[in-house]
């Protein structure tokens, strides 16, 4: 049994976290406002 999806959410201006997500190979899905009051950038493990 797998663990399903792994997602990372960051504030749009949190460059250090964005770089970490990119460095570990996460795919950038863009922005969303589904989980918080302000937009977040969403990354997912491919």
PDB file of N, CA and C in Angstrom:
ATOM      1  N   UNK A   1       0.833  -1.178   0.000  1.00  0.00           N
ATOM      2  CA  UNK A   1       0.000   0.000   0.000  1.00  0.00           C
ATOM      3  C   UNK A   1       0.878   1.242   0.000  1.00  0.00           C
ATOM      4  N   UNK A   2       0.625   2.161  -0.961  1.00  0.00           N
ATOM      5  CA  UNK A   2       1.412   3.380  -1.077  1.00  0.00           C
ATOM      6  C   UNK A   2       0.900   4.457  -0.144  1.00  0.00           C
ATOM      7  N   UNK A   3       1.627   5.535  -0.092  1.00  0.00           N
ATOM      8  CA  UNK A   3       1.230   6.636   0.789  1.00  0.00           C
ATOM      9  C   UNK A   3       0.354   7.659   0.086  1.00  0.00           C
ATOM     10  N   UNK A   4       0.098   7.485  -1.193  1.00  0.00           N
ATOM     11  CA  UNK A   4      -0.724   8.450  -1.907  1.00  0.00           C
ATOM     12  C   UNK A   4       0.092   9.638  -2.360  1.00  0.00           C
ATOM     13  N   UNK A   5      -0.524  10.799  -2.399  1.00  0.00           N
ATOM     14  CA  UNK A   5       0.155  12.005  -2.858  1.00  0.00           C
ATOM     15  C   UNK A   5       0.907  12.686  -1.725  1.00  0.00           C
ATOM     16  N   UNK A   6       1.998  13.297  -2.117  1.00  0.00           N
ATOM     17  CA  UNK A   6       2.727  14.162  -1.194  1.00  0.00           C
ATOM     18  C   UNK A   6       2.692  15.558  -1.794  1.00  0.00           C
ATOM     19  N   UNK A   7       2.152  16.499  -1.055  1.00  0.00           N
ATOM     20  CA  UNK A   7       2.044  17.878  -1.512  1.00  0.00           C
ATOM     21  C   UNK A   7       2.789  18.796  -0.559  1.00  0.00           C
ATOM     22  N   UNK A   8       3.271  19.877  -1.119  1.00  0.00           N
ATOM     23  CA  UNK A   8       3.882  20.937  -0.322  1.00  0.00           C
ATOM     24  C   UNK A   8       3.180  22.234  -0.680  1.00  0.00           C
ATOM     25  N   UNK A   9       2.828  23.013   0.326  1.00  0.00           N
ATOM     26  CA  UNK A   9       2.222  24.331   0.117  1.00  0.00           C
ATOM     27  C   UNK A   9       3.163  25.374   0.690  1.00  0.00           C
ATOM     28  N   UNK A  10       3.366  26.453  -0.048  1.00  0.00           N
ATOM     29  CA  UNK A  10       4.203  27.546   0.440  1.00  0.00           C
ATOM     30  C   UNK A  10       3.489  28.869   0.193  1.00  0.00           C
ATOM     31  N   UNK A  11       3.863  29.872   0.971  1.00  0.00           N
ATOM     32  CA  UNK A  11       3.434  31.233   0.648  1.00  0.00           C
ATOM     33  C   UNK A  11       4.067  31.594  -0.689  1.00  0.00           C
ATOM     34  N   UNK A  12       3.415  32.446  -1.444  1.00  0.00           N
ATOM     35  CA  UNK A  12       3.897  32.795  -2.777  1.00  0.00           C
ATOM     36  C   UNK A  12       5.281  33.441  -2.763  1.00  0.00           C
ATOM     37  N   UNK A  13       5.626  34.118  -1.669  1.00  0.00           N
ATOM     38  CA  UNK A  13       6.912  34.809  -1.599  1.00  0.00           C
ATOM     39  C   UNK A  13       7.961  34.071  -0.770  1.00  0.00           C
ATOM     40  N   UNK A  14       7.709  32.811  -0.427  1.00  0.00           N
ATOM     41  CA  UNK A  14       8.654  32.043   0.390  1.00  0.00           C
ATOM     42  C   UNK A  14       9.652  31.325  -0.520  1.00  0.00           C
ATOM     43  N   UNK A  15      10.585  32.097  -1.038  1.00  0.00           N
ATOM     44  CA  UNK A  15      11.562  31.551  -1.987  1.00  0.00           C
ATOM     45  C   UNK A  15      12.394  30.390  -1.435  1.00  0.00           C
ATOM     46  N   UNK A  16      12.847  30.432  -0.175  1.00  0.00           N
ATOM     47  CA  UNK A  16      13.616  29.289   0.327  1.00  0.00           C
ATOM     48  C   UNK A  16      12.816  27.971   0.268  1.00  0.00           C
ATOM     49  N   UNK A  17      11.555  28.000   0.656  1.00  0.00           N
ATOM     50  CA  UNK A  17      10.743  26.775   0.613  1.00  0.00           C
ATOM     51  C   UNK A  17      10.455  26.346  -0.825  1.00  0.00           C
ATOM     52  N   UNK A  18      10.257  27.298  -1.698  1.00  0.00           N
ATOM     53  CA  UNK A  18      10.036  26.980  -3.111  1.00  0.00           C
ATOM     54  C   UNK A  18      11.266  26.292  -3.686  1.00  0.00           C
ATOM     55  N   UNK A  19      12.444  26.798  -3.363  1.00  0.00           N
ATOM     56  CA  UNK A  19      13.685  26.186  -3.858  1.00  0.00           C
ATOM     57  C   UNK A  19      13.870  24.777  -3.317  1.00  0.00           C
ATOM     58  N   UNK A  20      13.509  24.550  -2.053  1.00  0.00           N
ATOM     59  CA  UNK A  20      13.614  23.195  -1.485  1.00  0.00           C
ATOM     60  C   UNK A  20      12.701  22.239  -2.235  1.00  0.00           C
ATOM     61  N   UNK A  21      11.459  22.641  -2.467  1.00  0.00           N
ATOM     62  CA  UNK A  21      10.517  21.786  -3.187  1.00  0.00           C
ATOM     63  C   UNK A  21      11.050  21.466  -4.583  1.00  0.00           C
ATOM     64  N   UNK A  22      11.591  22.447  -5.261  1.00  0.00           N
ATOM     65  CA  UNK A  22      12.144  22.223  -6.597  1.00  0.00           C
ATOM     66  C   UNK A  22      13.380  21.328  -6.541  1.00  0.00           C
ATOM     67  N   UNK A  23      14.229  21.541  -5.551  1.00  0.00           N
ATOM     68  CA  UNK A  23      15.464  20.770  -5.438  1.00  0.00           C
ATOM     69  C   UNK A  23      15.203  19.286  -5.193  1.00  0.00           C
ATOM     70  N   UNK A  24      14.140  18.959  -4.447  1.00  0.00           N
ATOM     71  CA  UNK A  24      13.847  17.545  -4.183  1.00  0.00           C
ATOM     72  C   UNK A  24      13.002  16.924  -5.288  1.00  0.00           C
ATOM     73  N   UNK A  25      12.753  17.696  -6.356  1.00  0.00           N
ATOM     74  CA  UNK A  25      12.100  17.133  -7.527  1.00  0.00           C
ATOM     75  C   UNK A  25      10.587  17.228  -7.559  1.00  0.00           C
ATOM     76  N   UNK A  26      10.015  18.073  -6.707  1.00  0.00           N
ATOM     77  CA  UNK A  26       8.563  18.225  -6.723  1.00  0.00           C
ATOM     78  C   UNK A  26       8.140  19.041  -7.942  1.00  0.00           C
ATOM     79  N   UNK A  27       6.981  18.723  -8.480  1.00  0.00           N
ATOM     80  CA  UNK A  27       6.440  19.418  -9.644  1.00  0.00           C
ATOM     81  C   UNK A  27       5.572  20.585  -9.182  1.00  0.00           C
ATOM     82  N   UNK A  28       5.760  21.728  -9.794  1.00  0.00           N
ATOM     83  CA  UNK A  28       5.014  22.941  -9.452  1.00  0.00           C
ATOM     84  C   UNK A  28       3.651  22.893 -10.125  1.00  0.00           C
ATOM     85  N   UNK A  29       2.581  22.918  -9.330  1.00  0.00           N
ATOM     86  CA  UNK A  29       1.226  22.899  -9.866  1.00  0.00           C
ATOM     87  C   UNK A  29       0.622  24.299  -9.957  1.00  0.00           C
ATOM     88  N   UNK A  30       1.364  25.315  -9.535  1.00  0.00           N
ATOM     89  CA  UNK A  30       0.849  26.682  -9.589  1.00  0.00           C
ATOM     90  C   UNK A  30       0.281  27.117  -8.252  1.00  0.00           C
ATOM     91  N   UNK A  31      -0.726  27.994  -8.305  1.00  0.00           N
ATOM     92  CA  UNK A  31      -1.281  28.550  -7.076  1.00  0.00           C
ATOM     93  C   UNK A  31      -2.710  28.078  -6.842  1.00  0.00           C
ATOM     94  N   UNK A  32      -3.108  28.133  -5.573  1.00  0.00           N
ATOM     95  CA  UNK A  32      -4.458  27.755  -5.183  1.00  0.00           C
ATOM     96  C   UNK A  32      -4.870  28.558  -3.962  1.00  0.00           C
ATOM     97  N   UNK A  33      -6.161  28.652  -3.754  1.00  0.00           N
ATOM     98  CA  UNK A  33      -6.659  29.258  -2.518  1.00  0.00           C
ATOM     99  C   UNK A  33      -7.624  28.303  -1.818  1.00  0.00           C
ATOM    100  N   UNK A  34      -7.438  27.014  -2.061  1.00  0.00           N
ATOM    101  CA  UNK A  34      -8.324  25.993  -1.506  1.00  0.00           C
ATOM    102  C   UNK A  34      -8.179  25.801   0.000  1.00  0.00           C
ATOM    103  N   UNK A  35      -6.983  25.956   0.545  1.00  0.00           N
ATOM    104  CA  UNK A  35      -6.754  25.579   1.934  1.00  0.00           C
ATOM    105  C   UNK A  35      -6.612  26.755   2.897  1.00  0.00           C
ATOM    106  N   UNK A  36      -6.203  27.905   2.395  1.00  0.00           N
ATOM    107  CA  UNK A  36      -5.949  29.047   3.268  1.00  0.00           C
ATOM    108  C   UNK A  36      -6.647  30.285   2.721  1.00  0.00           C
ATOM    109  N   UNK A  37      -6.656  31.362   3.487  1.00  0.00           N
ATOM    110  CA  UNK A  37      -7.310  32.606   3.084  1.00  0.00           C
ATOM    111  C   UNK A  37      -6.559  33.350   1.982  1.00  0.00           C
ATOM    112  N   UNK A  38      -5.281  33.087   1.862  1.00  0.00           N
ATOM    113  CA  UNK A  38      -4.502  33.729   0.813  1.00  0.00           C
ATOM    114  C   UNK A  38      -3.943  32.637  -0.124  1.00  0.00           C
ATOM    115  N   UNK A  39      -3.564  33.019  -1.331  1.00  0.00           N
ATOM    116  CA  UNK A  39      -3.049  32.020  -2.276  1.00  0.00           C
ATOM    117  C   UNK A  39      -1.791  31.332  -1.769  1.00  0.00           C
ATOM    118  N   UNK A  40      -1.639  30.076  -2.123  1.00  0.00           N
ATOM    119  CA  UNK A  40      -0.454  29.282  -1.809  1.00  0.00           C
ATOM    120  C   UNK A  40       0.064  28.670  -3.103  1.00  0.00           C
ATOM    121  N   UNK A  41       1.340  28.430  -3.136  1.00  0.00           N
ATOM    122  CA  UNK A  41       1.944  27.717  -4.267  1.00  0.00           C
ATOM    123  C   UNK A  41       1.939  26.245  -3.905  1.00  0.00           C
ATOM    124  N   UNK A  42       1.547  25.409  -4.848  1.00  0.00           N
ATOM    125  CA  UNK A  42       1.386  23.975  -4.600  1.00  0.00           C
ATOM    126  C   UNK A  42       2.434  23.194  -5.389  1.00  0.00           C
ATOM    127  N   UNK A  43       3.071  22.259  -4.709  1.00  0.00           N
ATOM    128  CA  UNK A  43       4.022  21.344  -5.335  1.00  0.00           C
ATOM    129  C   UNK A  43       3.579  19.926  -5.015  1.00  0.00           C
ATOM    130  N   UNK A  44       3.898  18.983  -5.905  1.00  0.00           N
ATOM    131  CA  UNK A  44       3.512  17.588  -5.700  1.00  0.00           C
ATOM    132  C   UNK A  44       4.662  16.680  -6.118  1.00  0.00           C
ATOM    133  N   UNK A  45       4.778  15.555  -5.458  1.00  0.00           N
ATOM    134  CA  UNK A  45       5.761  14.554  -5.859  1.00  0.00           C
ATOM    135  C   UNK A  45       5.208  13.852  -7.096  1.00  0.00           C
ATOM    136  N   UNK A  46       5.968  13.852  -8.184  1.00  0.00           N
ATOM    137  CA  UNK A  46       5.457  13.220  -9.421  1.00  0.00           C
ATOM    138  C   UNK A  46       5.372  11.707  -9.323  1.00  0.00           C
TER     139      UNK A  46
END
